[in-house]
PDB file of N, CA and C in Angstrom:
ATOM      1  N   MET A   1      46.853  72.622  47.802  1.00  0.00           N
ATOM      2  CA  MET A   1      47.142  73.532  46.749  1.00  0.00           C
ATOM      3  C   MET A   1      48.609  73.320  46.331  1.00  0.00           C
ATOM      4  N   SER A   2      48.830  73.184  45.040  1.00  0.00           N
ATOM      5  CA  SER A   2      50.191  72.970  44.567  1.00  0.00           C
ATOM      6  C   SER A   2      50.689  74.237  43.876  1.00  0.00           C
ATOM      7  N   THR A   3      51.941  74.467  44.031  1.00  0.00           N
ATOM      8  CA  THR A   3      52.545  75.616  43.356  1.00  0.00           C
ATOM      9  C   THR A   3      53.529  75.094  42.327  1.00  0.00           C
ATOM     10  N   HIS A   4      53.561  75.740  41.210  1.00  0.00           N
ATOM     11  CA  HIS A   4      54.477  75.344  40.144  1.00  0.00           C
ATOM     12  C   HIS A   4      55.553  76.407  40.003  1.00  0.00           C
ATOM     13  N   ASN A   5      56.751  75.951  40.022  1.00  0.00           N
ATOM     14  CA  ASN A   5      57.888  76.846  39.856  1.00  0.00           C
ATOM     15  C   ASN A   5      58.584  76.493  38.546  1.00  0.00           C
ATOM     16  N   GLU A   6      57.848  76.596  37.479  1.00  0.00           N
ATOM     17  CA  GLU A   6      58.383  76.226  36.180  1.00  0.00           C
ATOM     18  C   GLU A   6      58.954  77.447  35.484  1.00  0.00           C
ATOM     19  N   GLN A   7      60.092  77.229  34.846  1.00  0.00           N
ATOM     20  CA  GLN A   7      60.711  78.271  34.050  1.00  0.00           C
ATOM     21  C   GLN A   7      61.584  77.590  33.000  1.00  0.00           C
ATOM     22  N   PRO A   8      61.874  78.290  31.932  1.00  0.00           N
ATOM     23  CA  PRO A   8      62.737  77.696  30.908  1.00  0.00           C
ATOM     24  C   PRO A   8      64.105  77.353  31.491  1.00  0.00           C
ATOM     25  N   LEU A   9      64.750  76.351  30.923  1.00  0.00           N
ATOM     26  CA  LEU A   9      66.055  75.911  31.405  1.00  0.00           C
ATOM     27  C   LEU A   9      67.087  77.032  31.345  1.00  0.00           C
ATOM     28  N   GLU A  10      67.057  77.820  30.289  1.00  0.00           N
ATOM     29  CA  GLU A  10      68.000  78.937  30.155  1.00  0.00           C
ATOM     30  C   GLU A  10      67.869  79.899  31.333  1.00  0.00           C
ATOM     31  N   GLY A  11      66.643  80.220  31.717  1.00  0.00           N
ATOM     32  CA  GLY A  11      66.411  81.117  32.842  1.00  0.00           C
ATOM     33  C   GLY A  11      66.882  80.507  34.154  1.00  0.00           C
ATOM     34  N   ALA A  12      66.683  79.205  34.310  1.00  0.00           N
ATOM     35  CA  ALA A  12      67.108  78.529  35.534  1.00  0.00           C
ATOM     36  C   ALA A  12      68.631  78.520  35.649  1.00  0.00           C
ATOM     37  N   ILE A  13      69.311  78.281  34.528  1.00  0.00           N
ATOM     38  CA  ILE A  13      70.781  78.265  34.549  1.00  0.00           C
ATOM     39  C   ILE A  13      71.318  79.657  34.850  1.00  0.00           C
ATOM     40  N   LYS A  14      70.757  80.681  34.225  1.00  0.00           N
ATOM     41  CA  LYS A  14      71.201  82.054  34.496  1.00  0.00           C
ATOM     42  C   LYS A  14      70.981  82.431  35.957  1.00  0.00           C
ATOM     43  N   ALA A  15      69.841  82.032  36.510  1.00  0.00           N
ATOM     44  CA  ALA A  15      69.555  82.319  37.915  1.00  0.00           C
ATOM     45  C   ALA A  15      70.550  81.600  38.823  1.00  0.00           C
ATOM     46  N   PHE A  16      70.874  80.358  38.486  1.00  0.00           N
ATOM     47  CA  PHE A  16      71.853  79.585  39.256  1.00  0.00           C
ATOM     48  C   PHE A  16      73.216  80.263  39.241  1.00  0.00           C
ATOM     49  N   LEU A  17      73.667  80.658  38.049  1.00  0.00           N
ATOM     50  CA  LEU A  17      74.971  81.316  37.918  1.00  0.00           C
ATOM     51  C   LEU A  17      75.002  82.644  38.668  1.00  0.00           C
ATOM     52  N   ARG A  18      73.923  83.390  38.592  1.00  0.00           N
ATOM     53  CA  ARG A  18      73.839  84.676  39.284  1.00  0.00           C
ATOM     54  C   ARG A  18      73.831  84.461  40.806  1.00  0.00           C
ATOM     55  N   TYR A  19      73.079  83.469  41.278  1.00  0.00           N
ATOM     56  CA  TYR A  19      72.969  83.209  42.707  1.00  0.00           C
ATOM     57  C   TYR A  19      74.322  82.827  43.315  1.00  0.00           C
ATOM     58  N   TYR A  20      75.074  81.992  42.597  1.00  0.00           N
ATOM     59  CA  TYR A  20      76.372  81.544  43.097  1.00  0.00           C
ATOM     60  C   TYR A  20      77.533  82.413  42.608  1.00  0.00           C
ATOM     61  N   ASN A  21      77.217  83.556  42.009  1.00  0.00           N
ATOM     62  CA  ASN A  21      78.210  84.525  41.558  1.00  0.00           C
ATOM     63  C   ASN A  21      79.249  83.890  40.618  1.00  0.00           C
ATOM     64  N   LEU A  22      78.778  83.129  39.647  1.00  0.00           N
ATOM     65  CA  LEU A  22      79.659  82.444  38.706  1.00  0.00           C
ATOM     66  C   LEU A  22      79.633  83.057  37.308  1.00  0.00           C
ATOM     67  N   GLU A  23      78.843  84.089  37.112  1.00  0.00           N
ATOM     68  CA  GLU A  23      78.737  84.688  35.776  1.00  0.00           C
ATOM     69  C   GLU A  23      80.083  85.204  35.280  1.00  0.00           C
ATOM     70  N   HIS A  24      80.860  85.809  36.168  1.00  0.00           N
ATOM     71  CA  HIS A  24      82.156  86.340  35.741  1.00  0.00           C
ATOM     72  C   HIS A  24      83.109  85.236  35.304  1.00  0.00           C
ATOM     73  N   ARG A  25      83.029  84.056  35.917  1.00  0.00           N
ATOM     74  CA  ARG A  25      83.896  82.936  35.516  1.00  0.00           C
ATOM     75  C   ARG A  25      83.533  82.453  34.109  1.00  0.00           C
ATOM     76  N   ILE A  26      82.246  82.438  33.793  1.00  0.00           N
ATOM     77  CA  ILE A  26      81.794  82.050  32.456  1.00  0.00           C
ATOM     78  C   ILE A  26      82.296  83.074  31.439  1.00  0.00           C
ATOM     79  N   ASP A  27      82.199  84.362  31.778  1.00  0.00           N
ATOM     80  CA  ASP A  27      82.691  85.412  30.890  1.00  0.00           C
ATOM     81  C   ASP A  27      84.202  85.293  30.674  1.00  0.00           C
ATOM     82  N   GLU A  28      84.941  84.952  31.719  1.00  0.00           N
ATOM     83  CA  GLU A  28      86.383  84.767  31.584  1.00  0.00           C
ATOM     84  C   GLU A  28      86.709  83.618  30.632  1.00  0.00           C
ATOM     85  N   MET A  29      85.949  82.534  30.730  1.00  0.00           N
ATOM     86  CA  MET A  29      86.188  81.388  29.845  1.00  0.00           C
ATOM     87  C   MET A  29      85.836  81.733  28.399  1.00  0.00           C
ATOM     88  N   LYS A  30      84.793  82.507  28.187  1.00  0.00           N
ATOM     89  CA  LYS A  30      84.446  82.951  26.833  1.00  0.00           C
ATOM     90  C   LYS A  30      85.577  83.784  26.248  1.00  0.00           C
ATOM     91  N   LEU A  31      86.138  84.668  27.068  1.00  0.00           N
ATOM     92  CA  LEU A  31      87.220  85.518  26.613  1.00  0.00           C
ATOM     93  C   LEU A  31      88.450  84.681  26.252  1.00  0.00           C
ATOM     94  N   ILE A  32      88.832  83.757  27.103  1.00  0.00           N
ATOM     95  CA  ILE A  32      89.995  82.912  26.828  1.00  0.00           C
ATOM     96  C   ILE A  32      89.761  82.060  25.585  1.00  0.00           C
ATOM     97  N   ASN A  33      88.552  81.532  25.435  1.00  0.00           N
ATOM     98  CA  ASN A  33      88.242  80.725  24.248  1.00  0.00           C
ATOM     99  C   ASN A  33      88.225  81.558  22.971  1.00  0.00           C
ATOM    100  N   GLY A  34      88.017  82.870  23.090  1.00  0.00           N
ATOM    101  CA  GLY A  34      88.003  83.744  21.931  1.00  0.00           C
ATOM    102  C   GLY A  34      89.372  84.288  21.548  1.00  0.00           C
ATOM    103  N   TRP A  35      90.405  83.906  22.286  1.00  0.00           N
ATOM    104  CA  TRP A  35      91.759  84.403  22.036  1.00  0.00           C
ATOM    105  C   TRP A  35      92.184  84.165  20.583  1.00  0.00           C
ATOM    106  N   GLU A  36      92.023  82.940  20.094  1.00  0.00           N
ATOM    107  CA  GLU A  36      92.469  82.619  18.732  1.00  0.00           C
ATOM    108  C   GLU A  36      91.709  83.412  17.677  1.00  0.00           C
ATOM    109  N   SER A  37      90.427  83.636  17.878  1.00  0.00           N
ATOM    110  CA  SER A  37      89.657  84.393  16.887  1.00  0.00           C
ATOM    111  C   SER A  37      90.068  85.861  16.842  1.00  0.00           C
ATOM    112  N   VAL A  38      90.618  86.385  17.934  1.00  0.00           N
ATOM    113  CA  VAL A  38      91.055  87.782  17.967  1.00  0.00           C
ATOM    114  C   VAL A  38      92.467  87.934  17.400  1.00  0.00           C
ATOM    115  N   VAL A  39      93.388  87.071  17.804  1.00  0.00           N
ATOM    116  CA  VAL A  39      94.787  87.238  17.399  1.00  0.00           C
ATOM    117  C   VAL A  39      95.165  86.420  16.177  1.00  0.00           C
ATOM    118  N   GLY A  40      94.363  85.448  15.814  1.00  0.00           N
ATOM    119  CA  GLY A  40      94.665  84.615  14.655  1.00  0.00           C
ATOM    120  C   GLY A  40      95.379  83.333  15.039  1.00  0.00           C
ATOM    121  N   PRO A  41      95.356  82.362  14.128  1.00  0.00           N
ATOM    122  CA  PRO A  41      95.928  81.040  14.447  1.00  0.00           C
ATOM    123  C   PRO A  41      97.454  81.045  14.605  1.00  0.00           C
ATOM    124  N   MET A  42      98.162  81.918  13.886  1.00  0.00           N
ATOM    125  CA  MET A  42      99.617  81.937  13.989  1.00  0.00           C
ATOM    126  C   MET A  42     100.070  82.367  15.382  1.00  0.00           C
ATOM    127  N   ILE A  43      99.470  83.430  15.902  1.00  0.00           N
ATOM    128  CA  ILE A  43      99.825  83.897  17.246  1.00  0.00           C
ATOM    129  C   ILE A  43      99.326  82.909  18.293  1.00  0.00           C
ATOM    130  N   ALA A  44      98.144  82.357  18.093  1.00  0.00           N
ATOM    131  CA  ALA A  44      97.594  81.387  19.042  1.00  0.00           C
ATOM    132  C   ALA A  44      98.491  80.156  19.148  1.00  0.00           C
ATOM    133  N   LYS A  45      99.148  79.796  18.051  1.00  0.00           N
ATOM    134  CA  LYS A  45     100.045  78.644  18.058  1.00  0.00           C
ATOM    135  C   LYS A  45     101.262  78.896  18.948  1.00  0.00           C
ATOM    136  N   HIS A  46     101.664  80.146  19.081  1.00  0.00           N
ATOM    137  CA  HIS A  46     102.816  80.505  19.908  1.00  0.00           C
ATOM    138  C   HIS A  46     102.427  80.886  21.333  1.00  0.00           C
ATOM    139  N   THR A  47     101.138  80.799  21.637  1.00  0.00           N
ATOM    140  CA  THR A  47     100.649  81.086  22.983  1.00  0.00           C
ATOM    141  C   THR A  47     100.721  79.819  23.817  1.00  0.00           C
ATOM    142  N   MET A  48     101.407  79.897  24.939  1.00  0.00           N
ATOM    143  CA  MET A  48     101.602  78.713  25.777  1.00  0.00           C
ATOM    144  C   MET A  48     100.620  78.652  26.942  1.00  0.00           C
ATOM    145  N   ASP A  49     100.200  79.799  27.445  1.00  0.00           N
ATOM    146  CA  ASP A  49      99.298  79.803  28.601  1.00  0.00           C
ATOM    147  C   ASP A  49      98.525  81.114  28.632  1.00  0.00           C
ATOM    148  N   LEU A  50      97.258  81.021  29.012  1.00  0.00           N
ATOM    149  CA  LEU A  50      96.393  82.182  29.211  1.00  0.00           C
ATOM    150  C   LEU A  50      95.686  82.008  30.541  1.00  0.00           C
ATOM    151  N   HIS A  51      95.708  83.018  31.373  1.00  0.00           N
ATOM    152  CA  HIS A  51      94.878  82.991  32.577  1.00  0.00           C
ATOM    153  C   HIS A  51      94.563  84.417  33.011  1.00  0.00           C
ATOM    154  N   ILE A  52      93.454  84.543  33.724  1.00  0.00           N
ATOM    155  CA  ILE A  52      92.985  85.851  34.171  1.00  0.00           C
ATOM    156  C   ILE A  52      93.052  85.895  35.688  1.00  0.00           C
ATOM    157  N   GLN A  53      93.616  86.998  36.176  1.00  0.00           N
ATOM    158  CA  GLN A  53      93.699  87.210  37.611  1.00  0.00           C
ATOM    159  C   GLN A  53      93.508  88.697  37.882  1.00  0.00           C
ATOM    160  N   ARG A  54      92.533  89.030  38.685  1.00  0.00           N
ATOM    161  CA  ARG A  54      92.222  90.418  39.051  1.00  0.00           C
ATOM    162  C   ARG A  54      92.042  91.315  37.825  1.00  0.00           C
ATOM    163  N   LYS A  55      91.217  90.854  36.899  1.00  0.00           N
ATOM    164  CA  LYS A  55      90.873  91.586  35.676  1.00  0.00           C
ATOM    165  C   LYS A  55      92.071  91.842  34.767  1.00  0.00           C
ATOM    166  N   THR A  56      93.138  91.072  34.926  1.00  0.00           N
ATOM    167  CA  THR A  56      94.306  91.166  34.060  1.00  0.00           C
ATOM    168  C   THR A  56      94.505  89.827  33.368  1.00  0.00           C
ATOM    169  N   LEU A  57      94.650  89.860  32.046  1.00  0.00           N
ATOM    170  CA  LEU A  57      94.920  88.657  31.266  1.00  0.00           C
ATOM    171  C   LEU A  57      96.426  88.491  31.168  1.00  0.00           C
ATOM    172  N   TYR A  58      96.923  87.344  31.623  1.00  0.00           N
ATOM    173  CA  TYR A  58      98.335  87.020  31.529  1.00  0.00           C
ATOM    174  C   TYR A  58      98.522  86.052  30.370  1.00  0.00           C
ATOM    175  N   VAL A  59      99.397  86.433  29.427  1.00  0.00           N
ATOM    176  CA  VAL A  59      99.618  85.655  28.216  1.00  0.00           C
ATOM    177  C   VAL A  59     101.079  85.243  28.179  1.00  0.00           C
ATOM    178  N   LYS A  60     101.333  83.938  28.161  1.00  0.00           N
ATOM    179  CA  LYS A  60     102.699  83.432  28.063  1.00  0.00           C
ATOM    180  C   LYS A  60     102.959  83.045  26.611  1.00  0.00           C
ATOM    181  N   LEU A  61     104.005  83.642  26.031  1.00  0.00           N
ATOM    182  CA  LEU A  61     104.348  83.421  24.631  1.00  0.00           C
ATOM    183  C   LEU A  61     105.736  82.788  24.534  1.00  0.00           C
ATOM    184  N   ASP A  62     105.968  82.057  23.440  1.00  0.00           N
ATOM    185  CA  ASP A  62     107.264  81.420  23.260  1.00  0.00           C
ATOM    186  C   ASP A  62     108.191  82.205  22.329  1.00  0.00           C
ATOM    187  N   SER A  63     107.825  83.441  22.007  1.00  0.00           N
ATOM    188  CA  SER A  63     108.612  84.255  21.092  1.00  0.00           C
ATOM    189  C   SER A  63     108.741  85.684  21.635  1.00  0.00           C
ATOM    190  N   ASP A  64     109.993  86.116  21.791  1.00  0.00           N
ATOM    191  CA  ASP A  64     110.231  87.485  22.263  1.00  0.00           C
ATOM    192  C   ASP A  64     109.774  88.523  21.248  1.00  0.00           C
ATOM    193  N   ALA A  65     109.996  88.241  19.971  1.00  0.00           N
ATOM    194  CA  ALA A  65     109.591  89.182  18.922  1.00  0.00           C
ATOM    195  C   ALA A  65     108.073  89.334  18.890  1.00  0.00           C
ATOM    196  N   LEU A  66     107.373  88.232  19.027  1.00  0.00           N
ATOM    197  CA  LEU A  66     105.910  88.262  19.034  1.00  0.00           C
ATOM    198  C   LEU A  66     105.395  89.013  20.264  1.00  0.00           C
ATOM    199  N   ARG A  67     106.042  88.797  21.386  1.00  0.00           N
ATOM    200  CA  ARG A  67     105.668  89.501  22.615  1.00  0.00           C
ATOM    201  C   ARG A  67     105.807  91.012  22.426  1.00  0.00           C
ATOM    202  N   ASN A  68     106.881  91.425  21.783  1.00  0.00           N
ATOM    203  CA  ASN A  68     107.117  92.834  21.521  1.00  0.00           C
ATOM    204  C   ASN A  68     106.050  93.410  20.583  1.00  0.00           C
ATOM    205  N   GLU A  69     105.731  92.696  19.524  1.00  0.00           N
ATOM    206  CA  GLU A  69     104.714  93.156  18.570  1.00  0.00           C
ATOM    207  C   GLU A  69     103.339  93.262  19.230  1.00  0.00           C
ATOM    208  N   LEU A  70     102.986  92.275  20.041  1.00  0.00           N
ATOM    209  CA  LEU A  70     101.683  92.303  20.710  1.00  0.00           C
ATOM    210  C   LEU A  70     101.595  93.436  21.730  1.00  0.00           C
ATOM    211  N   SER A  71     102.713  93.808  22.315  1.00  0.00           N
ATOM    212  CA  SER A  71     102.663  94.895  23.291  1.00  0.00           C
ATOM    213  C   SER A  71     102.254  96.212  22.620  1.00  0.00           C
ATOM    214  N   TYR A  72     102.592  96.372  21.320  1.00  0.00           N
ATOM    215  CA  TYR A  72     102.169  97.564  20.594  1.00  0.00           C
ATOM    216  C   TYR A  72     100.670  97.548  20.302  1.00  0.00           C
ATOM    217  N   ALA A  73     100.101  96.364  20.156  1.00  0.00           N
ATOM    218  CA  ALA A  73      98.679  96.234  19.827  1.00  0.00           C
ATOM    219  C   ALA A  73      97.831  95.916  21.056  1.00  0.00           C
ATOM    220  N   ARG A  74      98.376  96.108  22.239  1.00  0.00           N
ATOM    221  CA  ARG A  74      97.706  95.743  23.502  1.00  0.00           C
ATOM    222  C   ARG A  74      96.292  96.307  23.607  1.00  0.00           C
ATOM    223  N   SER A  75      96.113  97.593  23.354  1.00  0.00           N
ATOM    224  CA  SER A  75      94.791  98.212  23.550  1.00  0.00           C
ATOM    225  C   SER A  75      93.760  97.657  22.556  1.00  0.00           C
ATOM    226  N   LEU A  76      94.181  97.379  21.327  1.00  0.00           N
ATOM    227  CA  LEU A  76      93.260  96.821  20.333  1.00  0.00           C
ATOM    228  C   LEU A  76      92.865  95.389  20.702  1.00  0.00           C
ATOM    229  N   VAL A  77      93.835  94.594  21.124  1.00  0.00           N
ATOM    230  CA  VAL A  77      93.547  93.213  21.543  1.00  0.00           C
ATOM    231  C   VAL A  77      92.625  93.216  22.754  1.00  0.00           C
ATOM    232  N   LEU A  78      92.885  94.098  23.698  1.00  0.00           N
ATOM    233  CA  LEU A  78      92.054  94.222  24.900  1.00  0.00           C
ATOM    234  C   LEU A  78      90.614  94.554  24.535  1.00  0.00           C
ATOM    235  N   LYS A  79      90.432  95.527  23.660  1.00  0.00           N
ATOM    236  CA  LYS A  79      89.086  95.917  23.242  1.00  0.00           C
ATOM    237  C   LYS A  79      88.371  94.778  22.524  1.00  0.00           C
ATOM    238  N   ASN A  80      89.057  94.113  21.599  1.00  0.00           N
ATOM    239  CA  ASN A  80      88.435  93.031  20.827  1.00  0.00           C
ATOM    240  C   ASN A  80      88.076  91.834  21.700  1.00  0.00           C
ATOM    241  N   LEU A  81      88.898  91.517  22.686  1.00  0.00           N
ATOM    242  CA  LEU A  81      88.570  90.417  23.587  1.00  0.00           C
ATOM    243  C   LEU A  81      87.341  90.743  24.426  1.00  0.00           C
ATOM    244  N   ASN A  82      87.268  91.954  24.961  1.00  0.00           N
ATOM    245  CA  ASN A  82      86.092  92.342  25.743  1.00  0.00           C
ATOM    246  C   ASN A  82      84.842  92.401  24.871  1.00  0.00           C
ATOM    247  N   ASP A  83      85.002  92.783  23.592  1.00  0.00           N
ATOM    248  CA  ASP A  83      83.859  92.825  22.678  1.00  0.00           C
ATOM    249  C   ASP A  83      83.273  91.436  22.430  1.00  0.00           C
ATOM    250  N   ILE A  84      84.116  90.412  22.449  1.00  0.00           N
ATOM    251  CA  ILE A  84      83.627  89.039  22.260  1.00  0.00           C
ATOM    252  C   ILE A  84      82.626  88.679  23.345  1.00  0.00           C
ATOM    253  N   VAL A  85      82.932  89.053  24.569  1.00  0.00           N
ATOM    254  CA  VAL A  85      82.072  88.717  25.708  1.00  0.00           C
ATOM    255  C   VAL A  85      80.896  89.678  25.818  1.00  0.00           C
ATOM    256  N   GLY A  86      81.104  90.923  25.410  1.00  0.00           N
ATOM    257  CA  GLY A  86      80.045  91.914  25.497  1.00  0.00           C
ATOM    258  C   GLY A  86      80.048  92.700  26.788  1.00  0.00           C
ATOM    259  N   THR A  87      81.079  92.541  27.582  1.00  0.00           N
ATOM    260  CA  THR A  87      81.233  93.276  28.824  1.00  0.00           C
ATOM    261  C   THR A  87      82.723  93.407  29.128  1.00  0.00           C
ATOM    262  N   THR A  88      83.073  94.280  30.058  1.00  0.00           N
ATOM    263  CA  THR A  88      84.483  94.455  30.401  1.00  0.00           C
ATOM    264  C   THR A  88      84.902  93.369  31.399  1.00  0.00           C
ATOM    265  N   VAL A  89      85.607  92.385  30.882  1.00  0.00           N
ATOM    266  CA  VAL A  89      86.085  91.278  31.710  1.00  0.00           C
ATOM    267  C   VAL A  89      87.508  91.557  32.170  1.00  0.00           C
ATOM    268  N   ILE A  90      88.328  92.122  31.272  1.00  0.00           N
ATOM    269  CA  ILE A  90      89.709  92.441  31.606  1.00  0.00           C
ATOM    270  C   ILE A  90      89.974  93.924  31.378  1.00  0.00           C
ATOM    271  N   THR A  91      90.896  94.461  32.163  1.00  0.00           N
ATOM    272  CA  THR A  91      91.275  95.873  32.010  1.00  0.00           C
ATOM    273  C   THR A  91      92.728  96.021  31.605  1.00  0.00           C
ATOM    274  N   ASP A  92      93.490  94.930  31.592  1.00  0.00           N
ATOM    275  CA  ASP A  92      94.897  94.996  31.205  1.00  0.00           C
ATOM    276  C   ASP A  92      95.343  93.634  30.690  1.00  0.00           C
ATOM    277  N   ILE A  93      96.414  93.649  29.897  1.00  0.00           N
ATOM    278  CA  ILE A  93      97.028  92.420  29.391  1.00  0.00           C
ATOM    279  C   ILE A  93      98.520  92.493  29.698  1.00  0.00           C
ATOM    280  N   VAL A  94      99.066  91.389  30.218  1.00  0.00           N
ATOM    281  CA  VAL A  94     100.494  91.288  30.480  1.00  0.00           C
ATOM    282  C   VAL A  94     101.027  90.149  29.607  1.00  0.00           C
ATOM    283  N   PHE A  95     101.990  90.490  28.754  1.00  0.00           N
ATOM    284  CA  PHE A  95     102.618  89.486  27.891  1.00  0.00           C
ATOM    285  C   PHE A  95     103.924  89.043  28.549  1.00  0.00           C
ATOM    286  N   ARG A  96     104.083  87.734  28.697  1.00  0.00           N
ATOM    287  CA  ARG A  96     105.281  87.164  29.329  1.00  0.00           C
ATOM    288  C   ARG A  96     105.984  86.245  28.367  1.00  0.00           C
TER     289      ARG A  96
END
């Protein structure tokens, strides 16, 4: 007697990611890749580094004035980035 364990590729990939607890890493990459669409190309051009650690997005900028302006819009940027992914990936943003 043979058993078939057939499923669509999408389902197999999701199961793999869930089994190895990698879904959050994929969500983090989606969020980082969506940075330019949220802040625009001008701000993205001045962004030197983005990384996530312990649900905090660290953003390195090359402009003090831009860093100051973004700190005022922190909550809006945070909400829009999480909306891209569809779940809460980050809870804070630190501009450096």
